[in-house]
Amino acid sequence: MTRGGREWTPEYLVSINPDLCIGCGRCFKVCGRDVMTLKGLNEDGEIVALDDDEDDEIEKKVMAMHDEAACIGCGACARVCPTNCQTHARA
């Protein structure tokens, strides 16, 4: 229930598709719970930590899950995502 008494069911962020994500960071900026972080996608399609020494091996930067348990299901990240790369689900 919302504070006003309306029915509301949270939908939690469960994954981010790195093939669709453009790493714009809009979702990161609206999330105050540290659920996501910026990572790199290497030429093998693996999500890796960003490191100045390995920037040559990074194909692109993408958002990745950091603390899934911190998500409160508000959906702000989904509303600002220009590529609809996130998957949300009810608990």
PDB file of N, CA and C in Angstrom:
ATOM      1  N   MET A   1       0.828  -1.193   0.000  1.00  0.00           N
ATOM      2  CA  MET A   1       0.000   0.000   0.000  1.00  0.00           C
ATOM      3  C   MET A   1       0.870   1.253   0.000  1.00  0.00           C
ATOM      4  N   THR A   2       0.378   2.259  -0.694  1.00  0.00           N
ATOM      5  CA  THR A   2       1.070   3.543  -0.649  1.00  0.00           C
ATOM      6  C   THR A   2       0.644   4.293   0.607  1.00  0.00           C
ATOM      7  N   ARG A   3       1.286   5.403   0.869  1.00  0.00           N
ATOM      8  CA  ARG A   3       0.924   6.204   2.033  1.00  0.00           C
ATOM      9  C   ARG A   3      -0.528   6.664   1.946  1.00  0.00           C
ATOM     10  N   GLY A   4      -1.017   6.865   0.719  1.00  0.00           N
ATOM     11  CA  GLY A   4      -2.396   7.286   0.508  1.00  0.00           C
ATOM     12  C   GLY A   4      -3.398   6.144   0.551  1.00  0.00           C
ATOM     13  N   GLY A   5      -2.913   4.909   0.769  1.00  0.00           N
ATOM     14  CA  GLY A   5      -3.801   3.770   0.885  1.00  0.00           C
ATOM     15  C   GLY A   5      -4.081   3.033  -0.413  1.00  0.00           C
ATOM     16  N   ARG A   6      -3.427   3.447  -1.493  1.00  0.00           N
ATOM     17  CA  ARG A   6      -3.623   2.763  -2.768  1.00  0.00           C
ATOM     18  C   ARG A   6      -2.772   1.498  -2.846  1.00  0.00           C
ATOM     19  N   GLU A   7      -3.284   0.523  -3.561  1.00  0.00           N
ATOM     20  CA  GLU A   7      -2.569  -0.743  -3.773  1.00  0.00           C
ATOM     21  C   GLU A   7      -1.330  -0.496  -4.628  1.00  0.00           C
ATOM     22  N   TRP A   8      -0.206  -1.064  -4.250  1.00  0.00           N
ATOM     23  CA  TRP A   8       1.036  -0.929  -5.022  1.00  0.00           C
ATOM     24  C   TRP A   8       1.883  -2.167  -4.790  1.00  0.00           C
ATOM     25  N   THR A   9       2.335  -2.766  -5.879  1.00  0.00           N
ATOM     26  CA  THR A   9       3.192  -3.942  -5.794  1.00  0.00           C
ATOM     27  C   THR A   9       4.553  -3.590  -6.381  1.00  0.00           C
ATOM     28  N   PRO A  10       5.611  -3.622  -5.568  1.00  0.00           N
ATOM     29  CA  PRO A  10       6.933  -3.291  -6.098  1.00  0.00           C
ATOM     30  C   PRO A  10       7.425  -4.340  -7.096  1.00  0.00           C
ATOM     31  N   GLU A  11       8.151  -3.878  -8.097  1.00  0.00           N
ATOM     32  CA  GLU A  11       8.809  -4.770  -9.047  1.00  0.00           C
ATOM     33  C   GLU A  11      10.296  -4.467  -8.977  1.00  0.00           C
ATOM     34  N   TYR A  12      11.063  -5.462  -8.552  1.00  0.00           N
ATOM     35  CA  TYR A  12      12.479  -5.300  -8.261  1.00  0.00           C
ATOM     36  C   TYR A  12      13.344  -5.524  -9.498  1.00  0.00           C
ATOM     37  N   LEU A  13      14.432  -4.770  -9.587  1.00  0.00           N
ATOM     38  CA  LEU A  13      15.392  -4.950 -10.665  1.00  0.00           C
ATOM     39  C   LEU A  13      16.118  -6.271 -10.438  1.00  0.00           C
ATOM     40  N   VAL A  14      16.050  -7.167 -11.420  1.00  0.00           N
ATOM     41  CA  VAL A  14      16.690  -8.476 -11.264  1.00  0.00           C
ATOM     42  C   VAL A  14      17.840  -8.682 -12.249  1.00  0.00           C
ATOM     43  N   SER A  15      17.851  -7.939 -13.365  1.00  0.00           N
ATOM     44  CA  SER A  15      18.969  -8.085 -14.306  1.00  0.00           C
ATOM     45  C   SER A  15      19.021  -6.904 -15.267  1.00  0.00           C
ATOM     46  N   ILE A  16      20.198  -6.749 -15.865  1.00  0.00           N
ATOM     47  CA  ILE A  16      20.422  -5.723 -16.884  1.00  0.00           C
ATOM     48  C   ILE A  16      21.053  -6.422 -18.079  1.00  0.00           C
ATOM     49  N   ASN A  17      20.454  -6.279 -19.243  1.00  0.00           N
ATOM     50  CA  ASN A  17      20.958  -6.923 -20.451  1.00  0.00           C
ATOM     51  C   ASN A  17      22.125  -6.102 -21.008  1.00  0.00           C
ATOM     52  N   PRO A  18      23.362  -6.624 -20.937  1.00  0.00           N
ATOM     53  CA  PRO A  18      24.522  -5.861 -21.406  1.00  0.00           C
ATOM     54  C   PRO A  18      24.534  -5.629 -22.922  1.00  0.00           C
ATOM     55  N   ASP A  19      23.804  -6.440 -23.664  1.00  0.00           N
ATOM     56  CA  ASP A  19      23.734  -6.247 -25.111  1.00  0.00           C
ATOM     57  C   ASP A  19      22.902  -5.020 -25.473  1.00  0.00           C
ATOM     58  N   LEU A  20      21.924  -4.706 -24.631  1.00  0.00           N
ATOM     59  CA  LEU A  20      21.054  -3.557 -24.887  1.00  0.00           C
ATOM     60  C   LEU A  20      21.507  -2.286 -24.167  1.00  0.00           C
ATOM     61  N   CYS A  21      22.179  -2.449 -23.036  1.00  0.00           N
ATOM     62  CA  CYS A  21      22.602  -1.304 -22.232  1.00  0.00           C
ATOM     63  C   CYS A  21      23.640  -0.477 -22.985  1.00  0.00           C
ATOM     64  N   ILE A  22      23.484   0.851 -22.925  1.00  0.00           N
ATOM     65  CA  ILE A  22      24.436   1.746 -23.578  1.00  0.00           C
ATOM     66  C   ILE A  22      25.335   2.449 -22.558  1.00  0.00           C
ATOM     67  N   GLY A  23      25.177   2.120 -21.281  1.00  0.00           N
ATOM     68  CA  GLY A  23      26.034   2.679 -20.244  1.00  0.00           C
ATOM     69  C   GLY A  23      25.849   4.168 -20.017  1.00  0.00           C
ATOM     70  N   CYS A  24      24.669   4.680 -20.276  1.00  0.00           N
ATOM     71  CA  CYS A  24      24.424   6.118 -20.148  1.00  0.00           C
ATOM     72  C   CYS A  24      24.421   6.585 -18.693  1.00  0.00           C
ATOM     73  N   GLY A  25      24.103   5.687 -17.757  1.00  0.00           N
ATOM     74  CA  GLY A  25      24.117   6.019 -16.338  1.00  0.00           C
ATOM     75  C   GLY A  25      22.865   6.694 -15.813  1.00  0.00           C
ATOM     76  N   ARG A  26      21.840   6.824 -16.640  1.00  0.00           N
ATOM     77  CA  ARG A  26      20.605   7.466 -16.163  1.00  0.00           C
ATOM     78  C   ARG A  26      19.997   6.699 -14.994  1.00  0.00           C
ATOM     79  N   CYS A  27      19.986   5.384 -15.091  1.00  0.00           N
ATOM     80  CA  CYS A  27      19.424   4.557 -14.014  1.00  0.00           C
ATOM     81  C   CYS A  27      20.234   4.720 -12.735  1.00  0.00           C
ATOM     82  N   PHE A  28      21.547   4.781 -12.879  1.00  0.00           N
ATOM     83  CA  PHE A  28      22.435   4.943 -11.728  1.00  0.00           C
ATOM     84  C   PHE A  28      22.158   6.261 -11.016  1.00  0.00           C
ATOM     85  N   LYS A  29      21.908   7.306 -11.803  1.00  0.00           N
ATOM     86  CA  LYS A  29      21.684   8.631 -11.230  1.00  0.00           C
ATOM     87  C   LYS A  29      20.377   8.730 -10.453  1.00  0.00           C
ATOM     88  N   VAL A  30      19.342   7.994 -10.872  1.00  0.00           N
ATOM     89  CA  VAL A  30      18.061   8.089 -10.163  1.00  0.00           C
ATOM     90  C   VAL A  30      17.960   7.109  -8.994  1.00  0.00           C
ATOM     91  N   CYS A  31      18.869   6.140  -8.941  1.00  0.00           N
ATOM     92  CA  CYS A  31      18.822   5.145  -7.866  1.00  0.00           C
ATOM     93  C   CYS A  31      19.665   5.619  -6.690  1.00  0.00           C
ATOM     94  N   GLY A  32      19.037   5.780  -5.562  1.00  0.00           N
ATOM     95  CA  GLY A  32      19.750   6.205  -4.360  1.00  0.00           C
ATOM     96  C   GLY A  32      20.162   5.044  -3.479  1.00  0.00           C
ATOM     97  N   ARG A  33      20.097   3.832  -3.991  1.00  0.00           N
ATOM     98  CA  ARG A  33      20.316   2.656  -3.154  1.00  0.00           C
ATOM     99  C   ARG A  33      21.548   1.846  -3.544  1.00  0.00           C
ATOM    100  N   ASP A  34      22.342   2.303  -4.501  1.00  0.00           N
ATOM    101  CA  ASP A  34      23.584   1.630  -4.900  1.00  0.00           C
ATOM    102  C   ASP A  34      23.322   0.220  -5.443  1.00  0.00           C
ATOM    103  N   VAL A  35      22.228   0.072  -6.193  1.00  0.00           N
ATOM    104  CA  VAL A  35      21.853  -1.232  -6.754  1.00  0.00           C
ATOM    105  C   VAL A  35      22.705  -1.579  -7.972  1.00  0.00           C
ATOM    106  N   MET A  36      23.120  -0.551  -8.734  1.00  0.00           N
ATOM    107  CA  MET A  36      23.872  -0.765  -9.977  1.00  0.00           C
ATOM    108  C   MET A  36      25.230  -0.081  -9.911  1.00  0.00           C
ATOM    109  N   THR A  37      26.116  -0.505 -10.806  1.00  0.00           N
ATOM    110  CA  THR A  37      27.423   0.136 -10.940  1.00  0.00           C
ATOM    111  C   THR A  37      27.869   0.045 -12.398  1.00  0.00           C
ATOM    112  N   LEU A  38      28.776   0.910 -12.790  1.00  0.00           N
ATOM    113  CA  LEU A  38      29.285   0.903 -14.157  1.00  0.00           C
ATOM    114  C   LEU A  38      30.407  -0.120 -14.271  1.00  0.00           C
ATOM    115  N   LYS A  39      30.313  -0.962 -15.274  1.00  0.00           N
ATOM    116  CA  LYS A  39      31.323  -2.000 -15.528  1.00  0.00           C
ATOM    117  C   LYS A  39      31.726  -1.924 -16.996  1.00  0.00           C
ATOM    118  N   GLY A  40      32.650  -2.778 -17.378  1.00  0.00           N
ATOM    119  CA  GLY A  40      33.075  -2.860 -18.766  1.00  0.00           C
ATOM    120  C   GLY A  40      32.652  -4.179 -19.367  1.00  0.00           C
ATOM    121  N   LEU A  41      32.451  -4.187 -20.662  1.00  0.00           N
ATOM    122  CA  LEU A  41      32.139  -5.411 -21.398  1.00  0.00           C
ATOM    123  C   LEU A  41      33.329  -5.666 -22.315  1.00  0.00           C
ATOM    124  N   ASN A  42      34.022  -6.796 -22.105  1.00  0.00           N
ATOM    125  CA  ASN A  42      35.216  -7.067 -22.909  1.00  0.00           C
ATOM    126  C   ASN A  42      34.842  -7.745 -24.229  1.00  0.00           C
ATOM    127  N   GLU A  43      35.839  -7.995 -25.050  1.00  0.00           N
ATOM    128  CA  GLU A  43      35.599  -8.558 -26.385  1.00  0.00           C
ATOM    129  C   GLU A  43      35.007  -9.961 -26.347  1.00  0.00           C
ATOM    130  N   ASP A  44      35.126 -10.654 -25.200  1.00  0.00           N
ATOM    131  CA  ASP A  44      34.541 -11.987 -25.047  1.00  0.00           C
ATOM    132  C   ASP A  44      33.106 -11.933 -24.520  1.00  0.00           C
ATOM    133  N   GLY A  45      32.584 -10.708 -24.306  1.00  0.00           N
ATOM    134  CA  GLY A  45      31.226 -10.546 -23.800  1.00  0.00           C
ATOM    135  C   GLY A  45      31.118 -10.700 -22.301  1.00  0.00           C
ATOM    136  N   GLU A  46      32.244 -10.681 -21.597  1.00  0.00           N
ATOM    137  CA  GLU A  46      32.247 -10.818 -20.136  1.00  0.00           C
ATOM    138  C   GLU A  46      32.189  -9.438 -19.492  1.00  0.00           C
ATOM    139  N   ILE A  47      31.437  -9.341 -18.403  1.00  0.00           N
ATOM    140  CA  ILE A  47      31.364  -8.102 -17.650  1.00  0.00           C
ATOM    141  C   ILE A  47      32.549  -8.081 -16.692  1.00  0.00           C
ATOM    142  N   VAL A  48      33.346  -7.003 -16.781  1.00  0.00           N
ATOM    143  CA  VAL A  48      34.567  -6.890 -15.986  1.00  0.00           C
ATOM    144  C   VAL A  48      34.615  -5.530 -15.296  1.00  0.00           C
ATOM    145  N   ALA A  49      35.405  -5.470 -14.223  1.00  0.00           N
ATOM    146  CA  ALA A  49      35.598  -4.206 -13.529  1.00  0.00           C
ATOM    147  C   ALA A  49      36.345  -3.237 -14.432  1.00  0.00           C
ATOM    148  N   LEU A  50      36.048  -1.966 -14.291  1.00  0.00           N
ATOM    149  CA  LEU A  50      36.761  -0.960 -15.068  1.00  0.00           C
ATOM    150  C   LEU A  50      38.098  -0.695 -14.399  1.00  0.00           C
ATOM    151  N   ASP A  51      39.139  -0.708 -15.194  1.00  0.00           N
ATOM    152  CA  ASP A  51      40.490  -0.502 -14.703  1.00  0.00           C
ATOM    153  C   ASP A  51      41.226   0.295 -15.767  1.00  0.00           C
ATOM    154  N   ASP A  52      41.893   1.369 -15.378  1.00  0.00           N
ATOM    155  CA  ASP A  52      42.584   2.220 -16.343  1.00  0.00           C
ATOM    156  C   ASP A  52      43.592   1.448 -17.189  1.00  0.00           C
ATOM    157  N   ASP A  53      44.217   0.425 -16.612  1.00  0.00           N
ATOM    158  CA  ASP A  53      45.219  -0.354 -17.332  1.00  0.00           C
ATOM    159  C   ASP A  53      44.611  -1.243 -18.408  1.00  0.00           C
ATOM    160  N   GLU A  54      43.340  -1.596 -18.258  1.00  0.00           N
ATOM    161  CA  GLU A  54      42.706  -2.537 -19.175  1.00  0.00           C
ATOM    162  C   GLU A  54      41.684  -1.885 -20.099  1.00  0.00           C
ATOM    163  N   ASP A  55      41.674  -0.555 -20.185  1.00  0.00           N
ATOM    164  CA  ASP A  55      40.678   0.134 -21.003  1.00  0.00           C
ATOM    165  C   ASP A  55      40.735  -0.266 -22.472  1.00  0.00           C
ATOM    166  N   ASP A  56      41.902  -0.694 -22.949  1.00  0.00           N
ATOM    167  CA  ASP A  56      42.015  -1.119 -24.345  1.00  0.00           C
ATOM    168  C   ASP A  56      41.215  -2.383 -24.622  1.00  0.00           C
ATOM    169  N   GLU A  57      40.980  -3.197 -23.594  1.00  0.00           N
ATOM    170  CA  GLU A  57      40.265  -4.457 -23.761  1.00  0.00           C
ATOM    171  C   GLU A  57      38.755  -4.306 -23.602  1.00  0.00           C
ATOM    172  N   ILE A  58      38.291  -3.136 -23.203  1.00  0.00           N
ATOM    173  CA  ILE A  58      36.869  -2.884 -22.979  1.00  0.00           C
ATOM    174  C   ILE A  58      36.213  -2.475 -24.299  1.00  0.00           C
ATOM    175  N   GLU A  59      35.188  -3.222 -24.691  1.00  0.00           N
ATOM    176  CA  GLU A  59      34.442  -2.903 -25.907  1.00  0.00           C
ATOM    177  C   GLU A  59      33.467  -1.751 -25.663  1.00  0.00           C
ATOM    178  N   LYS A  60      32.795  -1.789 -24.507  1.00  0.00           N
ATOM    179  CA  LYS A  60      31.888  -0.711 -24.137  1.00  0.00           C
ATOM    180  C   LYS A  60      31.643  -0.770 -22.637  1.00  0.00           C
ATOM    181  N   LYS A  61      31.115   0.318 -22.111  1.00  0.00           N
ATOM    182  CA  LYS A  61      30.767   0.382 -20.692  1.00  0.00           C
ATOM    183  C   LYS A  61      29.275   0.115 -20.559  1.00  0.00           C
ATOM    184  N   VAL A  62      28.915  -0.628 -19.516  1.00  0.00           N
ATOM    185  CA  VAL A  62      27.520  -0.982 -19.284  1.00  0.00           C
ATOM    186  C   VAL A  62      27.219  -0.912 -17.789  1.00  0.00           C
ATOM    187  N   MET A  63      25.955  -0.769 -17.467  1.00  0.00           N
ATOM    188  CA  MET A  63      25.538  -0.847 -16.070  1.00  0.00           C
ATOM    189  C   MET A  63      25.369  -2.320 -15.714  1.00  0.00           C
ATOM    190  N   ALA A  64      25.712  -2.654 -14.480  1.00  0.00           N
ATOM    191  CA  ALA A  64      25.599  -4.035 -14.013  1.00  0.00           C
ATOM    192  C   ALA A  64      25.073  -4.028 -12.587  1.00  0.00           C
ATOM    193  N   MET A  65      24.530  -5.144 -12.178  1.00  0.00           N
ATOM    194  CA  MET A  65      24.017  -5.270 -10.820  1.00  0.00           C
ATOM    195  C   MET A  65      25.177  -5.178  -9.834  1.00  0.00           C
ATOM    196  N   HIS A  66      24.960  -4.413  -8.764  1.00  0.00           N
ATOM    197  CA  HIS A  66      25.976  -4.273  -7.719  1.00  0.00           C
ATOM    198  C   HIS A  66      25.471  -4.843  -6.399  1.00  0.00           C
ATOM    199  N   ASP A  67      24.260  -4.412  -5.986  1.00  0.00           N
ATOM    200  CA  ASP A  67      23.666  -4.882  -4.732  1.00  0.00           C
ATOM    201  C   ASP A  67      22.173  -5.103  -4.960  1.00  0.00           C
ATOM    202  N   GLU A  68      21.853  -6.229  -5.557  1.00  0.00           N
ATOM    203  CA  GLU A  68      20.470  -6.555  -5.917  1.00  0.00           C
ATOM    204  C   GLU A  68      19.532  -6.481  -4.717  1.00  0.00           C
ATOM    205  N   ALA A  69      20.010  -6.867  -3.550  1.00  0.00           N
ATOM    206  CA  ALA A  69      19.179  -6.891  -2.346  1.00  0.00           C
ATOM    207  C   ALA A  69      18.798  -5.491  -1.867  1.00  0.00           C
ATOM    208  N   ALA A  70      19.474  -4.456  -2.348  1.00  0.00           N
ATOM    209  CA  ALA A  70      19.180  -3.089  -1.926  1.00  0.00           C
ATOM    210  C   ALA A  70      17.998  -2.479  -2.669  1.00  0.00           C
ATOM    211  N   CYS A  71      17.560  -3.124  -3.761  1.00  0.00           N
ATOM    212  CA  CYS A  71      16.463  -2.592  -4.570  1.00  0.00           C
ATOM    213  C   CYS A  71      15.155  -2.593  -3.770  1.00  0.00           C
ATOM    214  N   ILE A  72      14.435  -1.459  -3.829  1.00  0.00           N
ATOM    215  CA  ILE A  72      13.146  -1.365  -3.135  1.00  0.00           C
ATOM    216  C   ILE A  72      11.964  -1.482  -4.103  1.00  0.00           C
ATOM    217  N   GLY A  73      12.256  -1.658  -5.387  1.00  0.00           N
ATOM    218  CA  GLY A  73      11.194  -1.880  -6.364  1.00  0.00           C
ATOM    219  C   GLY A  73      10.433  -0.648  -6.771  1.00  0.00           C
ATOM    220  N   CYS A  74      11.059   0.519  -6.702  1.00  0.00           N
ATOM    221  CA  CYS A  74      10.355   1.762  -7.036  1.00  0.00           C
ATOM    222  C   CYS A  74      10.148   1.940  -8.537  1.00  0.00           C
ATOM    223  N   GLY A  75      11.034   1.349  -9.356  1.00  0.00           N
ATOM    224  CA  GLY A  75      10.893   1.425 -10.799  1.00  0.00           C
ATOM    225  C   GLY A  75      11.437   2.681 -11.440  1.00  0.00           C
ATOM    226  N   ALA A  76      12.101   3.544 -10.675  1.00  0.00           N
ATOM    227  CA  ALA A  76      12.643   4.787 -11.238  1.00  0.00           C
ATOM    228  C   ALA A  76      13.643   4.491 -12.349  1.00  0.00           C
ATOM    229  N   CYS A  77      14.457   3.466 -12.176  1.00  0.00           N
ATOM    230  CA  CYS A  77      15.470   3.126 -13.183  1.00  0.00           C
ATOM    231  C   CYS A  77      14.822   2.738 -14.508  1.00  0.00           C
ATOM    232  N   ALA A  78      13.734   2.007 -14.448  1.00  0.00           N
ATOM    233  CA  ALA A  78      13.044   1.579 -15.676  1.00  0.00           C
ATOM    234  C   ALA A  78      12.431   2.762 -16.403  1.00  0.00           C
ATOM    235  N   ARG A  79      11.960   3.743 -15.654  1.00  0.00           N
ATOM    236  CA  ARG A  79      11.319   4.902 -16.281  1.00  0.00           C
ATOM    237  C   ARG A  79      12.306   5.784 -17.039  1.00  0.00           C
ATOM    238  N   VAL A  80      13.586   5.776 -16.661  1.00  0.00           N
ATOM    239  CA  VAL A  80      14.555   6.638 -17.341  1.00  0.00           C
ATOM    240  C   VAL A  80      15.417   5.899 -18.358  1.00  0.00           C
ATOM    241  N   CYS A  81      15.311   4.590 -18.438  1.00  0.00           N
ATOM    242  CA  CYS A  81      16.154   3.800 -19.339  1.00  0.00           C
ATOM    243  C   CYS A  81      15.707   3.983 -20.791  1.00  0.00           C
ATOM    244  N   PRO A  82      16.614   4.488 -21.665  1.00  0.00           N
ATOM    245  CA  PRO A  82      16.221   4.715 -23.056  1.00  0.00           C
ATOM    246  C   PRO A  82      16.216   3.436 -23.913  1.00  0.00           C
ATOM    247  N   THR A  83      16.793   2.344 -23.413  1.00  0.00           N
ATOM    248  CA  THR A  83      16.871   1.123 -24.220  1.00  0.00           C
ATOM    249  C   THR A  83      16.055  -0.038 -23.667  1.00  0.00           C
ATOM    250  N   ASN A  84      15.378   0.171 -22.550  1.00  0.00           N
ATOM    251  CA  ASN A  84      14.574  -0.877 -21.924  1.00  0.00           C
ATOM    252  C   ASN A  84      15.385  -2.168 -21.723  1.00  0.00           C
ATOM    253  N   CYS A  85      16.578  -2.014 -21.163  1.00  0.00           N
ATOM    254  CA  CYS A  85      17.496  -3.151 -21.017  1.00  0.00           C
ATOM    255  C   CYS A  85      17.359  -3.880 -19.678  1.00  0.00           C
ATOM    256  N   GLN A  86      16.470  -3.404 -18.835  1.00  0.00           N
ATOM    257  CA  GLN A  86      16.338  -3.988 -17.498  1.00  0.00           C
ATOM    258  C   GLN A  86      15.162  -4.953 -17.410  1.00  0.00           C
ATOM    259  N   THR A  87      15.332  -5.937 -16.529  1.00  0.00           N
ATOM    260  CA  THR A  87      14.252  -6.867 -16.241  1.00  0.00           C
ATOM    261  C   THR A  87      13.862  -6.660 -14.771  1.00  0.00           C
ATOM    262  N   HIS A  88      12.572  -6.493 -14.544  1.00  0.00           N
ATOM    263  CA  HIS A  88      12.033  -6.312 -13.199  1.00  0.00           C
ATOM    264  C   HIS A  88      11.047  -7.436 -12.916  1.00  0.00           C
ATOM    265  N   ALA A  89      10.924  -7.801 -11.641  1.00  0.00           N
ATOM    266  CA  ALA A  89       9.982  -8.864 -11.271  1.00  0.00           C
ATOM    267  C   ALA A  89       9.458  -8.594  -9.874  1.00  0.00           C
ATOM    268  N   ARG A  90       8.285  -9.115  -9.610  1.00  0.00           N
ATOM    269  CA  ARG A  90       7.724  -9.063  -8.257  1.00  0.00           C
ATOM    270  C   ARG A  90       8.446 -10.077  -7.389  1.00  0.00           C
ATOM    271  N   ALA A  91       8.431  -9.828  -6.128  1.00  0.00           N
ATOM    272  CA  ALA A  91       9.145 -10.718  -5.192  1.00  0.00           C
ATOM    273  C   ALA A  91       8.531 -12.090  -5.143  1.00  0.00           C
TER     274      ALA A  91
END
